[in-house]
């Protein structure tokens, strides 16, 4: 069964559900499909998330949330930057989907970190720490 047919099936299954329930169902089902199709990349991206969780002391759920505190947004952007730098074959969309963000957020986050890393020693130290730990995981 290809992905397009499966998405149509998911849409059929949600008929009659409230908007909120249908949206939640679709999000979960599409994420499950994503995991099946891209399982090899998921492990690497989850490793990056786990390391960022340890380095920043933020819960992974807070990175997936809609919260926009500086510390959380910075951690998200670090996830985007490290993921794309180390796993360049993974698309922006696939990097973002793991924490409920679209490709535009990923591209912008990478740009912000690229701009900051040259002037902000704290950001550069975080990048170095995350990459060091990532090398020891793989």
N, C-alpha and C. Protein backbone atom coordinates (compact mmCIF):
# COMPACT_ATOMS: atom_id res chain seq x y z
N UNK A 1 0.86 -1.18 0.00
CA UNK A 1 0.00 0.00 0.00
C UNK A 1 0.90 1.23 0.00
N UNK A 2 0.67 2.12 -0.94
CA UNK A 2 1.54 3.29 -0.97
C UNK A 2 1.04 4.36 0.00
N UNK A 3 1.87 5.36 0.22
CA UNK A 3 1.61 6.38 1.22
C UNK A 3 0.37 7.22 0.90
N UNK A 4 0.14 7.52 -0.37
CA UNK A 4 -1.02 8.34 -0.75
C UNK A 4 -2.32 7.61 -0.42
N UNK A 5 -2.39 6.34 -0.77
CA UNK A 5 -3.59 5.55 -0.46
C UNK A 5 -3.79 5.47 1.05
N UNK A 6 -2.72 5.29 1.78
CA UNK A 6 -2.80 5.19 3.23
C UNK A 6 -3.31 6.49 3.83
N UNK A 7 -2.86 7.65 3.34
CA UNK A 7 -3.35 8.93 3.84
C UNK A 7 -4.84 9.08 3.57
N UNK A 8 -5.30 8.62 2.38
CA UNK A 8 -6.73 8.67 2.08
C UNK A 8 -7.51 7.78 3.04
N UNK A 9 -6.97 6.63 3.37
CA UNK A 9 -7.61 5.73 4.32
C UNK A 9 -7.73 6.38 5.70
N UNK A 10 -6.67 7.05 6.12
CA UNK A 10 -6.69 7.75 7.41
C UNK A 10 -7.77 8.83 7.40
N UNK A 11 -7.89 9.56 6.30
CA UNK A 11 -8.93 10.59 6.20
C UNK A 11 -10.32 9.97 6.28
N UNK A 12 -10.51 8.81 5.66
CA UNK A 12 -11.82 8.13 5.73
C UNK A 12 -12.13 7.69 7.16
N UNK A 13 -11.13 7.20 7.88
CA UNK A 13 -11.33 6.72 9.25
C UNK A 13 -11.72 7.85 10.21
N UNK A 14 -11.39 9.09 9.87
CA UNK A 14 -11.67 10.20 10.78
C UNK A 14 -13.00 10.88 10.51
N UNK A 15 -13.71 10.44 9.49
CA UNK A 15 -15.04 11.04 9.22
C UNK A 15 -15.95 10.80 10.41
N UNK A 16 -16.66 11.84 10.83
CA UNK A 16 -17.57 11.73 11.96
C UNK A 16 -16.93 12.06 13.30
N UNK A 17 -15.60 12.16 13.35
CA UNK A 17 -14.92 12.53 14.59
C UNK A 17 -14.94 14.05 14.74
N UNK A 18 -14.84 14.49 15.98
CA UNK A 18 -14.71 15.94 16.19
C UNK A 18 -13.39 16.39 15.56
N UNK A 19 -13.27 17.69 15.28
CA UNK A 19 -12.06 18.20 14.63
C UNK A 19 -10.82 17.90 15.46
N UNK A 20 -10.92 18.12 16.78
CA UNK A 20 -9.77 17.91 17.65
C UNK A 20 -9.37 16.43 17.68
N UNK A 21 -10.35 15.56 17.80
CA UNK A 21 -10.06 14.12 17.86
C UNK A 21 -9.51 13.63 16.52
N UNK A 22 -10.08 14.10 15.42
CA UNK A 22 -9.62 13.71 14.09
C UNK A 22 -8.19 14.19 13.87
N UNK A 23 -7.90 15.41 14.28
CA UNK A 23 -6.57 15.96 14.11
C UNK A 23 -5.54 15.15 14.90
N UNK A 24 -5.89 14.81 16.13
CA UNK A 24 -5.00 14.01 16.98
C UNK A 24 -4.79 12.63 16.37
N UNK A 25 -5.86 12.02 15.89
CA UNK A 25 -5.77 10.69 15.27
C UNK A 25 -4.88 10.74 14.04
N UNK A 26 -5.10 11.75 13.18
CA UNK A 26 -4.31 11.88 11.96
C UNK A 26 -2.83 12.09 12.28
N UNK A 27 -2.56 12.94 13.26
CA UNK A 27 -1.17 13.23 13.63
C UNK A 27 -0.47 11.95 14.09
N UNK A 28 -1.15 11.18 14.94
CA UNK A 28 -0.57 9.93 15.42
C UNK A 28 -0.39 8.90 14.32
N UNK A 29 -1.39 8.77 13.46
CA UNK A 29 -1.32 7.80 12.36
C UNK A 29 -0.24 8.18 11.35
N UNK A 30 -0.18 9.45 11.01
CA UNK A 30 0.84 9.89 10.05
C UNK A 30 2.24 9.75 10.63
N UNK A 31 2.38 9.99 11.94
CA UNK A 31 3.68 9.80 12.57
C UNK A 31 4.08 8.32 12.53
N UNK A 32 3.11 7.44 12.79
CA UNK A 32 3.39 6.00 12.73
C UNK A 32 3.83 5.60 11.32
N UNK A 33 3.18 6.14 10.30
CA UNK A 33 3.59 5.87 8.92
C UNK A 33 4.99 6.39 8.66
N UNK A 34 5.26 7.58 9.16
CA UNK A 34 6.57 8.18 8.98
C UNK A 34 7.65 7.27 9.58
N UNK A 35 7.39 6.76 10.77
CA UNK A 35 8.35 5.89 11.44
C UNK A 35 8.60 4.64 10.61
N UNK A 36 7.54 4.05 10.08
CA UNK A 36 7.70 2.85 9.26
C UNK A 36 8.53 3.12 8.00
N UNK A 37 8.26 4.24 7.36
CA UNK A 37 8.93 4.54 6.10
C UNK A 37 10.37 4.98 6.32
N UNK A 38 10.64 5.69 7.41
CA UNK A 38 11.96 6.29 7.64
C UNK A 38 12.65 5.77 8.89
N UNK A 39 12.46 4.51 9.24
CA UNK A 39 12.95 4.00 10.51
C UNK A 39 14.47 4.11 10.67
N UNK A 40 15.22 4.03 9.58
CA UNK A 40 16.67 4.12 9.70
C UNK A 40 17.12 5.50 10.17
N UNK A 41 16.42 6.56 9.74
CA UNK A 41 16.79 7.92 10.12
C UNK A 41 16.26 8.29 11.50
N UNK A 42 15.14 7.70 11.88
CA UNK A 42 14.52 8.02 13.17
C UNK A 42 15.50 7.79 14.32
N UNK A 43 16.19 6.68 14.30
CA UNK A 43 17.11 6.34 15.40
C UNK A 43 18.17 7.42 15.56
N UNK A 44 18.73 7.89 14.45
CA UNK A 44 19.77 8.92 14.54
C UNK A 44 19.21 10.23 15.08
N UNK A 45 18.05 10.62 14.59
CA UNK A 45 17.45 11.88 15.06
C UNK A 45 17.03 11.78 16.52
N UNK A 46 16.56 10.61 16.93
CA UNK A 46 16.21 10.42 18.35
C UNK A 46 17.45 10.47 19.23
N UNK A 47 18.58 9.98 18.72
CA UNK A 47 19.84 10.11 19.46
C UNK A 47 20.19 11.58 19.68
N UNK A 48 20.03 12.38 18.63
CA UNK A 48 20.31 13.82 18.75
C UNK A 48 19.39 14.44 19.79
N UNK A 49 18.10 14.12 19.75
CA UNK A 49 17.15 14.65 20.73
C UNK A 49 17.53 14.25 22.15
N UNK A 50 17.92 13.00 22.32
CA UNK A 50 18.30 12.50 23.66
C UNK A 50 19.51 13.24 24.20
N UNK A 51 20.48 13.50 23.35
CA UNK A 51 21.69 14.21 23.78
C UNK A 51 21.34 15.67 24.11
N UNK A 52 20.51 16.29 23.31
CA UNK A 52 20.10 17.67 23.60
C UNK A 52 19.34 17.72 24.92
N UNK A 53 18.52 16.72 25.18
CA UNK A 53 17.80 16.62 26.45
C UNK A 53 18.80 16.58 27.61
N UNK A 54 19.85 15.78 27.47
CA UNK A 54 20.83 15.65 28.55
C UNK A 54 21.67 16.92 28.73
N UNK A 55 22.04 17.54 27.62
CA UNK A 55 22.91 18.72 27.69
C UNK A 55 22.14 19.96 28.19
N UNK A 56 20.90 20.11 27.77
CA UNK A 56 20.14 21.32 28.12
C UNK A 56 19.22 21.14 29.33
N UNK A 57 19.07 19.91 29.80
CA UNK A 57 18.16 19.62 30.91
C UNK A 57 16.70 19.97 30.59
N UNK A 58 16.35 19.88 29.32
CA UNK A 58 14.96 20.09 28.90
C UNK A 58 14.35 18.75 28.53
N UNK A 59 13.08 18.58 28.81
CA UNK A 59 12.40 17.35 28.43
C UNK A 59 12.12 17.38 26.93
N UNK A 60 12.14 16.21 26.32
CA UNK A 60 11.89 16.11 24.89
C UNK A 60 10.48 16.59 24.57
N UNK A 61 9.53 16.35 25.48
CA UNK A 61 8.16 16.82 25.26
C UNK A 61 8.10 18.34 25.16
N UNK A 62 8.96 19.03 25.89
CA UNK A 62 8.94 20.49 25.80
C UNK A 62 9.46 20.96 24.44
N UNK A 63 10.36 20.19 23.82
CA UNK A 63 10.83 20.55 22.48
C UNK A 63 9.72 20.34 21.45
N UNK A 64 8.85 19.37 21.71
CA UNK A 64 7.74 19.08 20.80
C UNK A 64 6.54 19.99 21.02
N UNK A 65 6.53 20.69 22.15
CA UNK A 65 5.39 21.54 22.50
C UNK A 65 5.39 22.83 21.71
N UNK A 66 4.38 23.66 21.97
CA UNK A 66 4.29 24.96 21.30
C UNK A 66 4.94 26.07 22.11
N UNK A 67 5.56 25.72 23.23
CA UNK A 67 6.21 26.72 24.08
C UNK A 67 7.33 27.42 23.31
N UNK A 68 7.47 28.72 23.59
CA UNK A 68 8.46 29.51 22.86
C UNK A 68 9.42 30.25 23.78
N UNK A 69 9.74 29.64 24.91
CA UNK A 69 10.74 30.28 25.77
C UNK A 69 12.10 30.19 25.07
N UNK A 70 12.96 31.10 25.40
CA UNK A 70 14.25 31.18 24.71
C UNK A 70 15.02 29.87 24.80
N UNK A 71 15.04 29.27 25.98
CA UNK A 71 15.81 28.05 26.18
C UNK A 71 15.27 26.90 25.32
N UNK A 72 13.95 26.80 25.23
CA UNK A 72 13.34 25.73 24.44
C UNK A 72 13.56 25.96 22.95
N UNK A 73 13.35 27.18 22.49
CA UNK A 73 13.55 27.49 21.07
C UNK A 73 15.00 27.26 20.68
N UNK A 74 15.92 27.67 21.53
CA UNK A 74 17.34 27.46 21.28
C UNK A 74 17.66 25.97 21.16
N UNK A 75 17.09 25.17 22.04
CA UNK A 75 17.33 23.71 21.99
C UNK A 75 16.76 23.11 20.70
N UNK A 76 15.58 23.58 20.29
CA UNK A 76 15.00 23.12 19.02
C UNK A 76 15.93 23.45 17.86
N UNK A 77 16.41 24.68 17.83
CA UNK A 77 17.29 25.12 16.76
C UNK A 77 18.59 24.31 16.75
N UNK A 78 19.10 24.00 17.93
CA UNK A 78 20.29 23.16 18.01
C UNK A 78 20.01 21.77 17.43
N UNK A 79 18.84 21.23 17.75
CA UNK A 79 18.44 19.93 17.19
C UNK A 79 18.42 20.00 15.67
N UNK A 80 17.82 21.06 15.12
CA UNK A 80 17.76 21.21 13.66
C UNK A 80 19.17 21.26 13.07
N UNK A 81 20.02 22.11 13.66
CA UNK A 81 21.37 22.33 13.15
C UNK A 81 22.20 21.05 13.20
N UNK A 82 22.23 20.40 14.36
CA UNK A 82 23.04 19.19 14.53
C UNK A 82 22.52 18.07 13.63
N UNK A 83 21.21 17.93 13.54
CA UNK A 83 20.62 16.87 12.71
C UNK A 83 21.00 17.05 11.25
N UNK A 84 20.86 18.24 10.74
CA UNK A 84 21.17 18.47 9.32
C UNK A 84 22.67 18.37 9.07
N UNK A 85 23.47 18.85 10.00
CA UNK A 85 24.92 18.81 9.81
C UNK A 85 25.43 17.37 9.79
N UNK A 86 24.92 16.54 10.67
CA UNK A 86 25.42 15.18 10.79
C UNK A 86 24.69 14.16 9.92
N UNK A 87 23.46 14.46 9.54
CA UNK A 87 22.67 13.54 8.72
C UNK A 87 22.08 14.32 7.55
N UNK A 88 22.96 14.79 6.67
CA UNK A 88 22.54 15.68 5.59
C UNK A 88 21.56 15.03 4.61
N UNK A 89 21.52 13.69 4.58
CA UNK A 89 20.60 13.02 3.67
C UNK A 89 19.15 13.09 4.15
N UNK A 90 18.94 13.45 5.41
CA UNK A 90 17.58 13.56 5.95
C UNK A 90 17.02 14.92 5.55
N UNK A 91 15.80 14.92 5.05
CA UNK A 91 15.19 16.17 4.58
C UNK A 91 14.81 17.07 5.74
N UNK A 92 14.63 18.36 5.44
CA UNK A 92 14.19 19.31 6.46
C UNK A 92 12.83 18.88 7.03
N UNK A 93 11.96 18.42 6.18
CA UNK A 93 10.63 17.98 6.62
C UNK A 93 10.75 16.84 7.62
N UNK A 94 11.61 15.86 7.32
CA UNK A 94 11.75 14.72 8.21
C UNK A 94 12.41 15.08 9.54
N UNK A 95 13.30 16.05 9.52
CA UNK A 95 13.90 16.52 10.77
C UNK A 95 12.82 17.19 11.64
N UNK A 96 12.01 18.01 11.01
CA UNK A 96 10.99 18.75 11.75
C UNK A 96 9.85 17.91 12.26
N UNK A 97 9.47 16.87 11.51
CA UNK A 97 8.29 16.10 11.87
C UNK A 97 8.43 15.42 13.22
N UNK A 98 9.65 15.10 13.60
CA UNK A 98 9.88 14.41 14.87
C UNK A 98 9.51 15.28 16.07
N UNK A 99 9.58 16.60 15.92
CA UNK A 99 9.20 17.48 17.03
C UNK A 99 8.08 18.44 16.62
N UNK A 100 7.25 17.99 15.69
CA UNK A 100 6.04 18.72 15.29
C UNK A 100 6.32 20.10 14.70
N UNK A 101 7.33 20.19 13.86
CA UNK A 101 7.66 21.44 13.19
C UNK A 101 7.73 21.19 11.68
N UNK A 102 7.50 22.24 10.90
CA UNK A 102 7.58 22.07 9.45
C UNK A 102 8.97 22.46 8.95
N UNK A 103 9.18 22.26 7.66
CA UNK A 103 10.51 22.49 7.09
C UNK A 103 10.95 23.95 7.18
N UNK A 104 10.00 24.88 7.16
CA UNK A 104 10.36 26.30 7.28
C UNK A 104 11.01 26.59 8.63
N UNK A 105 10.46 26.00 9.70
CA UNK A 105 11.04 26.17 11.02
C UNK A 105 12.46 25.61 11.07
N UNK A 106 12.65 24.47 10.44
CA UNK A 106 13.97 23.82 10.43
C UNK A 106 14.98 24.70 9.71
N UNK A 107 14.63 25.19 8.54
CA UNK A 107 15.54 26.03 7.77
C UNK A 107 15.89 27.30 8.54
N UNK A 108 14.88 27.93 9.13
CA UNK A 108 15.11 29.16 9.89
C UNK A 108 16.00 28.88 11.11
N UNK A 109 15.72 27.80 11.82
CA UNK A 109 16.51 27.45 13.00
C UNK A 109 17.97 27.21 12.67
N UNK A 110 18.22 26.54 11.57
CA UNK A 110 19.60 26.29 11.14
C UNK A 110 20.30 27.61 10.81
N UNK A 111 19.59 28.51 10.16
CA UNK A 111 20.15 29.82 9.82
C UNK A 111 20.50 30.60 11.10
N UNK A 112 19.61 30.56 12.08
CA UNK A 112 19.86 31.28 13.35
C UNK A 112 21.11 30.74 14.03
N UNK A 113 21.22 29.41 14.12
CA UNK A 113 22.39 28.81 14.77
C UNK A 113 23.66 29.13 13.98
N UNK A 114 23.59 29.08 12.66
CA UNK A 114 24.77 29.45 11.84
C UNK A 114 25.21 30.88 12.13
N UNK A 115 24.26 31.79 12.31
CA UNK A 115 24.59 33.18 12.62
C UNK A 115 25.16 33.32 14.03
N UNK A 116 24.57 32.59 14.98
CA UNK A 116 24.98 32.72 16.38
C UNK A 116 26.32 32.07 16.70
N UNK A 117 26.61 30.96 16.07
CA UNK A 117 27.78 30.16 16.47
C UNK A 117 29.09 30.91 16.29
N UNK A 118 29.12 31.87 15.40
CA UNK A 118 30.36 32.62 15.19
C UNK A 118 30.61 33.68 16.26
N UNK A 119 29.56 34.13 16.93
CA UNK A 119 29.69 35.22 17.91
C UNK A 119 29.38 34.80 19.34
N UNK A 120 28.69 33.70 19.52
CA UNK A 120 28.23 33.30 20.84
C UNK A 120 28.99 32.04 21.29
N UNK A 121 29.91 32.23 22.24
CA UNK A 121 30.73 31.10 22.70
C UNK A 121 29.89 30.03 23.39
N UNK A 122 28.83 30.44 24.05
CA UNK A 122 27.96 29.48 24.73
C UNK A 122 27.31 28.53 23.72
N UNK A 123 26.84 29.08 22.62
CA UNK A 123 26.24 28.25 21.57
C UNK A 123 27.30 27.32 20.97
N UNK A 124 28.47 27.86 20.70
CA UNK A 124 29.54 27.04 20.14
C UNK A 124 29.92 25.91 21.09
N UNK A 125 29.96 26.20 22.39
CA UNK A 125 30.26 25.15 23.37
C UNK A 125 29.17 24.09 23.41
N UNK A 126 27.90 24.51 23.31
CA UNK A 126 26.80 23.55 23.27
C UNK A 126 26.91 22.65 22.03
N UNK A 127 27.19 23.25 20.88
CA UNK A 127 27.35 22.48 19.65
C UNK A 127 28.48 21.46 19.81
N UNK A 128 29.61 21.90 20.34
CA UNK A 128 30.74 21.00 20.52
C UNK A 128 30.41 19.86 21.49
N UNK A 129 29.73 20.18 22.57
CA UNK A 129 29.34 19.16 23.56
C UNK A 129 28.39 18.13 22.94
N UNK A 130 27.40 18.62 22.21
CA UNK A 130 26.42 17.72 21.58
C UNK A 130 27.10 16.83 20.55
N UNK A 131 27.94 17.41 19.72
CA UNK A 131 28.62 16.62 18.69
C UNK A 131 29.58 15.60 19.29
N UNK A 132 30.25 15.98 20.38
CA UNK A 132 31.15 15.05 21.06
C UNK A 132 30.36 13.85 21.59
N UNK A 133 29.24 14.13 22.24
CA UNK A 133 28.42 13.04 22.76
C UNK A 133 27.81 12.19 21.65
N UNK A 134 27.46 12.83 20.56
CA UNK A 134 26.88 12.10 19.42
C UNK A 134 27.90 11.15 18.81
N UNK A 135 29.15 11.55 18.74
CA UNK A 135 30.20 10.67 18.22
C UNK A 135 30.37 9.44 19.11
N UNK A 136 30.21 9.63 20.41
CA UNK A 136 30.37 8.51 21.34
C UNK A 136 29.17 7.57 21.33
N UNK A 137 28.01 8.05 20.85
CA UNK A 137 26.82 7.21 20.76
C UNK A 137 26.94 6.29 19.56
N UNK A 138 27.43 6.83 18.44
CA UNK A 138 27.49 6.05 17.19
C UNK A 138 28.67 5.16 17.17
